[in-house]
């Protein structure tokens, strides 16, 4: 069984990806969403797309108030 990862959104060092587990002939068996950040938080997985999108928005807000992330954006290291 293979896996396909698709970047859905990326902002301020926060990434939301759709993870699709594939069976034969590239048929999607299961989908989930993964949220990762440059902050100290561990990556999180969600079964529900709406919950994942809400968590993405909240994490972007938190990242934009983090002094390290702000400095990385100012130096052009992040989008």
C-alpha atoms as a PDB file:
ATOM      1  CA  UNK A   1       0.000   0.000   0.000  1.00  0.00           C
ATOM      2  CA  UNK A   2       1.442   3.366  -1.072  1.00  0.00           C
ATOM      3  CA  UNK A   3       0.978   6.862   0.266  1.00  0.00           C
ATOM      4  CA  UNK A   4       0.405  10.140  -1.561  1.00  0.00           C
ATOM      5  CA  UNK A   5       0.992  13.466   0.215  1.00  0.00           C
ATOM      6  CA  UNK A   6      -0.515  16.671  -1.170  1.00  0.00           C
ATOM      7  CA  UNK A   7       0.257  20.127   0.220  1.00  0.00           C
ATOM      8  CA  UNK A   8      -3.050  21.917   0.794  1.00  0.00           C
ATOM      9  CA  UNK A   9      -1.880  25.160   2.467  1.00  0.00           C
ATOM     10  CA  UNK A  10       1.354  26.660   3.741  1.00  0.00           C
ATOM     11  CA  UNK A  11       1.788  29.898   5.673  1.00  0.00           C
ATOM     12  CA  UNK A  12       4.188  31.197   8.336  1.00  0.00           C
ATOM     13  CA  UNK A  13       5.969  27.851   8.534  1.00  0.00           C
ATOM     14  CA  UNK A  14       2.712  25.942   9.060  1.00  0.00           C
ATOM     15  CA  UNK A  15       1.820  23.229   6.538  1.00  0.00           C
ATOM     16  CA  UNK A  16      -1.402  21.341   6.001  1.00  0.00           C
ATOM     17  CA  UNK A  17      -1.103  18.182   3.913  1.00  0.00           C
ATOM     18  CA  UNK A  18      -3.650  15.620   2.764  1.00  0.00           C
ATOM     19  CA  UNK A  19      -2.330  12.094   3.242  1.00  0.00           C
ATOM     20  CA  UNK A  20      -3.928   9.437   1.048  1.00  0.00           C
ATOM     21  CA  UNK A  21      -3.267   5.747   1.587  1.00  0.00           C
ATOM     22  CA  UNK A  22      -3.468   3.970  -1.756  1.00  0.00           C
ATOM     23  CA  UNK A  23      -4.313   0.432  -2.775  1.00  0.00           C
ATOM     24  CA  UNK A  24      -3.655  -1.125  -6.156  1.00  0.00           C
ATOM     25  CA  UNK A  25      -4.238   1.050  -9.242  1.00  0.00           C
ATOM     26  CA  UNK A  26      -3.746   4.207  -7.098  1.00  0.00           C
ATOM     27  CA  UNK A  27      -7.207   3.821  -5.521  1.00  0.00           C
ATOM     28  CA  UNK A  28      -7.587   5.896  -2.335  1.00  0.00           C
ATOM     29  CA  UNK A  29      -8.387   3.658   0.619  1.00  0.00           C
ATOM     30  CA  UNK A  30      -8.147   6.234   3.413  1.00  0.00           C
ATOM     31  CA  UNK A  31      -7.508   9.980   3.701  1.00  0.00           C
ATOM     32  CA  UNK A  32      -6.285  12.054   6.622  1.00  0.00           C
ATOM     33  CA  UNK A  33      -4.827  15.522   7.118  1.00  0.00           C
ATOM     34  CA  UNK A  34      -1.499  16.355   8.749  1.00  0.00           C
ATOM     35  CA  UNK A  35      -0.603  19.692  10.320  1.00  0.00           C
ATOM     36  CA  UNK A  36       3.057  20.524  10.910  1.00  0.00           C
ATOM     37  CA  UNK A  37       4.784  23.671  12.126  1.00  0.00           C
ATOM     38  CA  UNK A  38       8.248  25.083  12.779  1.00  0.00           C
ATOM     39  CA  UNK A  39       7.240  25.763  16.366  1.00  0.00           C
ATOM     40  CA  UNK A  40       7.958  23.159  19.056  1.00  0.00           C
ATOM     41  CA  UNK A  41       4.544  21.487  18.565  1.00  0.00           C
ATOM     42  CA  UNK A  42       4.555  17.925  17.263  1.00  0.00           C
ATOM     43  CA  UNK A  43       2.822  17.254  13.927  1.00  0.00           C
ATOM     44  CA  UNK A  44      -0.878  16.467  14.379  1.00  0.00           C
ATOM     45  CA  UNK A  45      -3.184  14.299  12.282  1.00  0.00           C
ATOM     46  CA  UNK A  46      -6.903  14.777  11.681  1.00  0.00           C
ATOM     47  CA  UNK A  47      -9.565  12.573  10.157  1.00  0.00           C
ATOM     48  CA  UNK A  48     -11.843  15.556   9.473  1.00  0.00           C
ATOM     49  CA  UNK A  49     -10.854  18.188   6.891  1.00  0.00           C
ATOM     50  CA  UNK A  50     -12.768  21.013   8.597  1.00  0.00           C
ATOM     51  CA  UNK A  51     -11.067  20.354  11.933  1.00  0.00           C
ATOM     52  CA  UNK A  52      -7.701  20.275  10.174  1.00  0.00           C
ATOM     53  CA  UNK A  53      -8.392  23.606   8.425  1.00  0.00           C
ATOM     54  CA  UNK A  54      -9.480  25.205  11.717  1.00  0.00           C
ATOM     55  CA  UNK A  55      -6.354  23.901  13.477  1.00  0.00           C
ATOM     56  CA  UNK A  56      -4.242  25.267  10.590  1.00  0.00           C
ATOM     57  CA  UNK A  57      -5.755  28.739  11.033  1.00  0.00           C
ATOM     58  CA  UNK A  58      -5.157  28.684  14.802  1.00  0.00           C
ATOM     59  CA  UNK A  59      -1.558  27.514  14.363  1.00  0.00           C
ATOM     60  CA  UNK A  60      -0.860  30.262  11.795  1.00  0.00           C
ATOM     61  CA  UNK A  61      -2.135  32.844  14.303  1.00  0.00           C
ATOM     62  CA  UNK A  62       0.146  31.369  16.985  1.00  0.00           C
ATOM     63  CA  UNK A  63       3.117  31.260  14.593  1.00  0.00           C
ATOM     64  CA  UNK A  64       2.623  34.900  13.595  1.00  0.00           C
ATOM     65  CA  UNK A  65       2.988  35.909  17.244  1.00  0.00           C
ATOM     66  CA  UNK A  66       6.145  33.808  17.751  1.00  0.00           C
ATOM     67  CA  UNK A  67       9.252  36.060  17.719  1.00  0.00           C
ATOM     68  CA  UNK A  68      11.399  33.430  15.977  1.00  0.00           C
ATOM     69  CA  UNK A  69       8.858  32.947  13.176  1.00  0.00           C
ATOM     70  CA  UNK A  70       8.445  36.721  12.820  1.00  0.00           C
ATOM     71  CA  UNK A  71      12.214  37.101  12.456  1.00  0.00           C
ATOM     72  CA  UNK A  72      12.381  34.295   9.872  1.00  0.00           C
ATOM     73  CA  UNK A  73       9.640  35.987   7.828  1.00  0.00           C
ATOM     74  CA  UNK A  74      11.379  39.367   8.077  1.00  0.00           C
ATOM     75  CA  UNK A  75      14.582  37.809   6.720  1.00  0.00           C
ATOM     76  CA  UNK A  76      12.649  36.200   3.851  1.00  0.00           C
ATOM     77  CA  UNK A  77      13.103  32.619   5.033  1.00  0.00           C
ATOM     78  CA  UNK A  78       9.348  31.912   5.167  1.00  0.00           C
ATOM     79  CA  UNK A  79       6.318  32.696   3.065  1.00  0.00           C
END
